Amino acid sequence: MNSSSPQNNPHLLQQLMQRVGFSSFRALGQAAGVSEKQIRRLRRGEVAQIRLETLLKLSQVLQVSIAELLEIFIPSKDQSREGKPQNSQLTYELENLRQEYNRLQQQLLQQKQALQQEFQQSSLQVLESLLLQLPTAAYTAQQNPQVPAVKLLPLLKPLERLLQEWGIEAIAEVGSEVVYDPQQHQLMEGFAEAGDLVRVRYTGYRQGDKLLYRAKVSPLSHH
């Protein structure tokens, strides 16, 4: 959609509303959590008088970016409805609004990056002993094949702790016999029907109701 004069704004707004299933301005306001006064301002093209927080709410409900919303409802850069140059105060307010939006976008990006770093650091703290000791243990095992693999098991405790904190649980233990379920199990070889007994070769994982990885299994007849 292109920018338009204020008298066309109600029609443009209705087009956006119909696209996402709103039949009335009141329903739009209730869904976005904004007052009817703010909806009327948007319909009149008085975007500069609407708080950025309100515009963000409306853009989310209408499923358009705030930049698109500004482009649609801000009058033409060169002329207003009467064909006269735009009011300089309005132009100034709109520019401030764009700058505030850009600042907010940058702030959200920085917050996202900070959260990612915080998440990575907290995960690394849990996995610290595994990260530091596992390479040395693997090297030792390569140099001395007589070292029992059972000695490596304590190193997996941090990983088990992390999975527990994230609510991730194993579908079945490796080596266990389970009833074959194509939704949760993946055959590595042979053939099996739902309900047949199979042996777990590689465990799978789920997080709550969400399946992350299917467990890899083999028919019992192959072992």
Protein backbone atom coordinates (compact mmCIF):
# COMPACT_ATOMS: atom_id res chain seq x y z
CA MET A 1 0.00 0.00 0.00
CA ASN A 2 1.12 3.54 -0.71
CA SER A 3 0.87 6.67 1.41
CA SER A 4 -2.45 8.42 1.00
CA SER A 5 -4.28 11.56 1.94
CA PRO A 6 -6.06 11.67 5.33
CA GLN A 7 -9.57 11.32 3.86
CA ASN A 8 -8.64 7.87 2.55
CA ASN A 9 -7.20 6.63 5.84
CA PRO A 10 -10.41 5.01 7.17
CA HIS A 11 -10.63 2.97 3.97
CA LEU A 12 -6.96 1.95 4.21
CA LEU A 13 -7.40 0.99 7.85
CA GLN A 14 -10.45 -1.11 7.00
CA GLN A 15 -8.43 -2.92 4.35
CA LEU A 16 -5.77 -3.79 6.92
CA MET A 17 -8.44 -4.85 9.42
CA GLN A 18 -10.24 -7.09 6.95
CA ARG A 19 -6.96 -8.78 6.06
CA VAL A 20 -6.54 -9.96 9.67
CA GLY A 21 -10.23 -10.56 10.39
CA PHE A 22 -11.43 -7.44 12.27
CA SER A 23 -14.91 -6.21 11.37
CA SER A 24 -15.04 -3.04 13.48
CA PHE A 25 -12.78 -0.31 14.82
CA ARG A 26 -13.92 -1.19 18.35
CA ALA A 27 -12.78 -4.80 17.92
CA LEU A 28 -9.40 -3.56 16.66
CA GLY A 29 -9.00 -1.28 19.67
CA GLN A 30 -9.90 -4.04 22.11
CA ALA A 31 -7.49 -6.50 20.50
CA ALA A 32 -4.65 -3.98 20.52
CA GLY A 33 -5.48 -2.63 23.96
CA VAL A 34 -5.78 0.97 22.77
CA SER A 35 -8.55 3.52 23.16
CA GLU A 36 -11.08 4.43 20.49
CA LYS A 37 -9.63 7.95 20.62
CA GLN A 38 -6.32 6.62 19.33
CA ILE A 39 -8.10 4.68 16.58
CA ARG A 40 -9.86 7.88 15.51
CA ARG A 41 -6.53 9.71 15.38
CA LEU A 42 -5.12 7.00 13.16
CA ARG A 43 -8.19 7.19 10.90
CA ARG A 44 -7.69 10.96 10.56
CA GLY A 45 -3.99 10.52 9.78
CA GLU A 46 -2.90 12.23 13.02
CA VAL A 47 -0.02 9.80 13.44
CA ALA A 48 2.28 12.35 15.04
CA GLN A 49 -0.16 12.66 17.98
CA ILE A 50 -0.13 8.92 18.71
CA ARG A 51 2.39 7.47 21.15
CA LEU A 52 4.96 5.10 19.68
CA GLU A 53 3.87 2.42 22.16
CA THR A 54 0.32 2.64 20.77
CA LEU A 55 1.55 2.43 17.18
CA LEU A 56 3.57 -0.66 18.07
CA LYS A 57 0.49 -2.34 19.53
CA LEU A 58 -1.56 -1.54 16.44
CA SER A 59 1.17 -2.69 14.06
CA GLN A 60 1.40 -6.04 15.87
CA VAL A 61 -2.36 -6.63 15.76
CA LEU A 62 -2.59 -5.54 12.11
CA GLN A 63 0.44 -7.72 11.29
CA VAL A 64 2.39 -4.98 9.55
CA SER A 65 5.66 -3.35 10.54
CA ILE A 66 5.48 0.03 12.20
CA ALA A 67 7.44 1.44 9.26
CA GLU A 68 4.67 0.29 6.89
CA LEU A 69 2.06 1.74 9.22
CA LEU A 70 3.78 5.12 9.17
CA GLU A 71 4.11 5.02 5.39
CA ILE A 72 0.41 4.23 4.95
CA PHE A 73 -1.02 6.81 7.34
CA ILE A 74 1.41 9.71 7.06
CA PRO A 75 0.25 12.22 4.42
CA SER A 76 2.33 12.71 1.28
CA LYS A 77 5.74 14.24 1.91
CA ASP A 78 5.11 17.07 -0.51
CA GLN A 79 1.48 18.01 0.01
CA SER A 80 -1.33 17.73 2.49
CA ARG A 81 -4.96 17.04 1.59
CA GLU A 82 -5.55 20.64 0.48
CA GLY A 83 -2.53 20.56 -1.84
CA LYS A 84 -0.58 22.95 0.38
CA PRO A 85 2.88 22.33 1.80
CA GLN A 86 2.81 20.26 4.97
CA ASN A 87 2.86 21.99 8.30
CA SER A 88 6.49 22.19 9.46
CA GLN A 89 5.52 21.25 13.03
CA LEU A 90 3.86 18.06 11.78
CA THR A 91 6.93 17.19 9.73
CA TYR A 92 9.12 17.79 12.78
CA GLU A 93 6.93 15.57 15.01
CA LEU A 94 6.88 12.79 12.44
CA GLU A 95 10.65 12.88 12.11
CA ASN A 96 10.96 12.64 15.90
CA LEU A 97 8.62 9.66 15.79
CA ARG A 98 10.78 7.92 13.19
CA GLN A 99 13.91 8.62 15.23
CA GLU A 100 12.27 7.25 18.38
CA TYR A 101 11.25 4.13 16.47
CA ASN A 102 14.79 3.62 15.16
CA ARG A 103 16.16 4.13 18.66
CA LEU A 104 13.71 1.59 20.07
CA GLN A 105 14.63 -0.94 17.38
CA GLN A 106 18.32 -0.53 18.21
CA GLN A 107 17.58 -0.87 21.91
CA LEU A 108 15.62 -4.10 21.33
CA LEU A 109 18.48 -5.48 19.24
CA GLN A 110 20.96 -4.71 22.00
CA GLN A 111 18.69 -6.34 24.59
CA LYS A 112 18.38 -9.44 22.41
CA GLN A 113 22.15 -9.68 22.06
CA ALA A 114 22.60 -9.21 25.82
CA LEU A 115 20.07 -11.96 26.55
CA GLN A 116 21.82 -14.32 24.15
CA GLN A 117 25.17 -13.66 25.82
CA GLU A 118 23.64 -14.13 29.27
CA PHE A 119 22.06 -17.42 28.13
CA GLN A 120 25.35 -18.65 26.67
CA GLN A 121 27.30 -17.71 29.80
CA SER A 122 24.85 -19.43 32.16
CA SER A 123 24.93 -22.56 29.97
CA LEU A 124 28.72 -22.52 29.90
CA GLN A 125 28.82 -22.29 33.69
CA VAL A 126 26.75 -25.46 33.95
CA LEU A 127 28.88 -27.24 31.35
CA GLU A 128 32.22 -25.91 32.62
CA SER A 129 33.54 -29.18 34.03
CA LEU A 130 32.41 -31.09 30.95
CA LEU A 131 34.07 -28.62 28.59
CA LEU A 132 37.32 -28.56 30.55
CA GLN A 133 37.69 -32.22 31.43
CA LEU A 134 36.12 -34.18 28.58
CA PRO A 135 38.85 -33.41 25.95
CA THR A 136 41.55 -34.50 28.41
CA ALA A 137 39.62 -37.65 29.32
CA ALA A 138 39.13 -38.46 25.63
CA TYR A 139 42.85 -37.97 24.99
CA THR A 140 43.75 -40.21 27.92
CA ALA A 141 41.40 -42.92 26.65
CA GLN A 142 43.02 -42.75 23.21
CA GLN A 143 46.50 -43.04 24.70
CA ASN A 144 45.49 -45.86 27.03
CA PRO A 145 42.67 -48.03 25.64
CA GLN A 146 42.70 -50.03 28.89
CA VAL A 147 41.11 -47.12 30.79
CA PRO A 148 37.51 -48.18 31.50
CA ALA A 149 34.93 -45.98 29.79
CA VAL A 150 32.88 -45.97 32.98
CA LYS A 151 35.32 -43.40 34.38
CA LEU A 152 33.97 -40.88 31.84
CA LEU A 153 30.40 -41.14 33.13
CA PRO A 154 30.76 -38.52 35.93
CA LEU A 155 31.68 -35.96 33.27
CA LEU A 156 28.17 -36.24 31.83
CA LYS A 157 26.53 -35.01 35.05
CA PRO A 158 26.67 -31.30 34.05
CA LEU A 159 24.94 -32.12 30.76
CA GLU A 160 22.24 -34.05 32.59
CA ARG A 161 21.79 -31.09 34.94
CA LEU A 162 21.46 -28.64 32.06
CA LEU A 163 18.87 -30.80 30.29
CA GLN A 164 16.93 -31.08 33.54
CA GLU A 165 16.94 -27.29 34.00
CA TRP A 166 15.58 -26.86 30.48
CA GLY A 167 12.86 -29.46 31.06
CA ILE A 168 14.33 -31.83 28.45
CA GLU A 169 13.93 -35.54 29.16
CA ALA A 170 15.00 -38.71 27.39
CA ILE A 171 12.35 -40.76 25.61
CA ALA A 172 13.93 -44.05 26.71
CA GLU A 173 17.21 -45.38 28.03
CA VAL A 174 19.76 -46.82 25.63
CA GLY A 175 19.52 -50.62 25.61
CA SER A 176 15.96 -50.73 26.89
CA GLU A 177 13.21 -52.65 25.12
CA VAL A 178 10.17 -50.54 24.26
CA VAL A 179 7.02 -50.81 22.20
CA TYR A 180 7.63 -49.36 18.76
CA ASP A 181 5.92 -46.01 18.17
CA PRO A 182 6.67 -44.41 14.76
CA GLN A 183 5.91 -40.99 16.25
CA GLN A 184 8.71 -41.28 18.82
CA HIS A 185 11.04 -43.89 17.34
CA GLN A 186 13.12 -44.05 14.17
CA LEU A 187 14.11 -47.43 12.79
CA MET A 188 17.81 -47.72 12.01
CA GLU A 189 17.39 -51.02 10.17
CA GLY A 190 14.95 -53.79 9.43
CA PHE A 191 11.19 -53.51 9.75
CA ALA A 192 8.78 -53.08 12.64
CA GLU A 193 5.10 -52.36 13.04
CA ALA A 194 3.54 -50.21 15.72
CA GLY A 195 3.31 -52.31 18.86
CA ASP A 196 6.36 -54.50 18.14
CA LEU A 197 9.17 -54.63 20.68
CA VAL A 198 12.32 -52.76 19.65
CA ARG A 199 15.63 -51.97 21.34
CA VAL A 200 16.77 -48.38 21.87
CA ARG A 201 20.16 -47.73 20.24
CA TYR A 202 20.25 -43.92 20.60
CA THR A 203 17.99 -42.10 22.98
CA GLY A 204 15.62 -39.36 21.80
CA TYR A 205 14.48 -36.26 23.66
CA ARG A 206 11.33 -34.28 24.26
CA GLN A 207 10.66 -30.99 26.01
CA GLY A 208 7.24 -31.07 27.59
CA ASP A 209 4.81 -32.00 24.82
CA LYS A 210 7.28 -31.11 22.06
CA LEU A 211 9.32 -33.87 20.43
CA LEU A 212 12.90 -32.76 19.83
CA TYR A 213 14.55 -35.93 18.53
CA ARG A 214 13.11 -39.37 17.91
CA ALA A 215 14.90 -42.28 19.58
CA LYS A 216 16.75 -44.53 17.12
CA VAL A 217 15.77 -48.17 17.51
CA SER A 218 16.30 -51.61 15.98
CA PRO A 219 13.97 -54.62 15.86
CA LEU A 220 14.76 -57.23 18.51
CA SER A 221 15.15 -59.88 15.83
CA HIS A 222 18.41 -58.19 14.76
CA HIS A 223 20.01 -58.63 18.16
